């Protein structure tokens, strides 16, 4: 009785090398090509990762947070405790200036602090 491996190895006079994979299926063994391993020398430079944000970025980010807090404080001044003014906003700062200050903080200052890259003085030397 011939097995599958014997029949495959003598098929049309061609020798097939068979091996088992993890799933126990017989497959043709194609030549295994290994990638060349690059050799690292002792003189190879190590990659040094630096944090992309400088002190200026954090200062501008902090300024944006302060501007946002000021915008919310201005907006909170529009609500009155008087019973006659409960339905209306009685402060024009809360209606017109506070939203502009909030948009300035959220949409201008904070993105500028995140996207702007300042050059380091030590890197220029």
Protein backbone atom coordinates (compact mmCIF):
# COMPACT_ATOMS: atom_id res chain seq x y z
CA UNK A 1 0.00 0.00 0.00
CA UNK A 2 1.40 3.37 -0.97
CA UNK A 3 0.87 6.42 1.11
CA UNK A 4 0.17 9.91 -0.13
CA UNK A 5 3.76 10.92 0.56
CA UNK A 6 5.13 8.01 -1.49
CA UNK A 7 2.79 8.71 -4.39
CA UNK A 8 3.64 12.39 -4.40
CA UNK A 9 7.38 11.77 -4.28
CA UNK A 10 7.29 9.46 -7.31
CA UNK A 11 4.74 11.44 -9.28
CA UNK A 12 5.90 11.61 -12.92
CA UNK A 13 9.48 10.87 -11.93
CA UNK A 14 9.83 14.15 -10.06
CA UNK A 15 10.98 14.11 -6.51
CA UNK A 16 8.89 16.23 -4.22
CA UNK A 17 9.98 16.99 -0.73
CA UNK A 18 7.05 17.08 1.58
CA UNK A 19 6.81 18.36 5.08
CA UNK A 20 4.09 18.84 7.62
CA UNK A 21 2.87 22.23 8.63
CA UNK A 22 1.16 23.09 11.86
CA UNK A 23 -2.23 22.20 10.44
CA UNK A 24 -0.91 18.73 9.38
CA UNK A 25 -1.36 19.26 5.66
CA UNK A 26 1.19 18.04 3.16
CA UNK A 27 2.54 20.75 0.88
CA UNK A 28 5.43 21.16 -1.51
CA UNK A 29 8.54 22.40 0.13
CA UNK A 30 9.66 25.39 -1.86
CA UNK A 31 13.19 26.66 -1.36
CA UNK A 32 13.28 28.81 1.73
CA UNK A 33 14.85 32.17 1.09
CA UNK A 34 16.03 33.90 4.20
CA UNK A 35 16.53 37.62 4.40
CA UNK A 36 20.01 38.90 4.84
CA UNK A 37 20.72 40.01 8.32
CA UNK A 38 22.36 43.37 8.53
CA UNK A 39 25.26 43.54 10.87
CA UNK A 40 25.41 46.44 13.22
CA UNK A 41 28.77 47.83 13.98
CA UNK A 42 29.85 49.40 17.21
CA UNK A 43 30.23 52.73 15.45
CA UNK A 44 26.55 52.88 14.43
CA UNK A 45 24.79 55.93 15.79
CA UNK A 46 22.02 55.37 18.27
CA UNK A 47 18.73 57.04 17.52
CA UNK A 48 17.90 59.63 20.13
CA UNK A 49 14.23 60.52 20.41
CA UNK A 50 13.49 64.02 21.60
CA UNK A 51 10.14 65.33 22.75
CA UNK A 52 8.74 67.39 19.85
CA UNK A 53 7.37 70.24 21.97
CA UNK A 54 9.52 72.89 23.56
CA UNK A 55 8.90 75.17 26.49
CA UNK A 56 7.40 77.79 24.17
CA UNK A 57 4.73 75.33 23.02
CA UNK A 58 3.68 74.68 26.61
CA UNK A 59 3.62 78.40 27.41
CA UNK A 60 1.33 79.08 24.43
CA UNK A 61 -0.84 76.10 25.39
CA UNK A 62 -1.13 77.49 28.92
CA UNK A 63 -2.08 80.89 27.48
CA UNK A 64 -4.83 79.17 25.48
CA UNK A 65 -6.17 77.50 28.64
CA UNK A 66 -6.21 80.87 30.44
CA UNK A 67 -8.06 82.50 27.51
CA UNK A 68 -10.65 79.69 27.56
CA UNK A 69 -11.16 80.12 31.32
CA UNK A 70 -11.61 83.88 30.84
CA UNK A 71 -14.19 83.17 28.11
CA UNK A 72 -16.21 80.90 30.39
CA UNK A 73 -16.01 83.45 33.22
CA UNK A 74 -17.28 86.18 30.89
CA UNK A 75 -20.10 83.92 29.77
CA UNK A 76 -21.12 83.20 33.35
CA UNK A 77 -21.60 86.92 34.06
CA UNK A 78 -24.66 87.04 31.79
CA UNK A 79 -26.92 85.10 34.11
CA UNK A 80 -28.66 87.22 36.70
CA UNK A 81 -30.11 86.22 40.06
CA UNK A 82 -32.94 88.74 39.84
CA UNK A 83 -36.38 87.26 39.28
CA UNK A 84 -37.30 89.80 36.58
CA UNK A 85 -34.23 88.98 34.43
CA UNK A 86 -34.27 85.18 34.65
CA UNK A 87 -35.44 84.73 31.04
CA UNK A 88 -32.91 87.10 29.42
CA UNK A 89 -29.19 87.56 29.35
CA UNK A 90 -28.54 91.04 30.65
CA UNK A 91 -24.80 91.35 30.00
CA UNK A 92 -23.50 92.08 26.48
CA UNK A 93 -20.10 90.61 27.42
CA UNK A 94 -21.70 87.22 27.88
CA UNK A 95 -23.54 87.36 24.57
CA UNK A 96 -20.97 88.84 22.19
CA UNK A 97 -17.46 88.90 23.66
CA UNK A 98 -17.34 85.56 25.50
CA UNK A 99 -18.05 83.39 22.42
CA UNK A 100 -15.36 85.23 20.44
CA UNK A 101 -12.86 84.71 23.27
CA UNK A 102 -13.74 80.99 23.44
CA UNK A 103 -13.36 80.54 19.68
CA UNK A 104 -10.04 82.37 19.84
CA UNK A 105 -8.83 80.04 22.60
CA UNK A 106 -10.12 76.77 21.13
CA UNK A 107 -9.60 77.38 17.42
CA UNK A 108 -6.54 79.63 17.24
CA UNK A 109 -4.27 79.51 20.30
CA UNK A 110 -4.47 75.80 21.24
CA UNK A 111 -3.97 74.54 17.63
CA UNK A 112 -1.11 77.00 17.15
CA UNK A 113 0.58 75.62 20.28
CA UNK A 114 0.18 72.05 19.02
CA UNK A 115 1.17 72.59 15.38
CA UNK A 116 3.97 75.15 15.68
CA UNK A 117 7.47 73.69 15.96
CA UNK A 118 10.06 75.99 17.48
CA UNK A 119 13.71 75.42 16.65
CA UNK A 120 15.95 74.49 19.51
CA UNK A 121 18.98 76.75 19.99
CA UNK A 122 21.26 73.76 20.71
CA UNK A 123 20.27 72.03 17.46
CA UNK A 124 21.28 75.04 15.36
CA UNK A 125 24.89 74.97 16.56
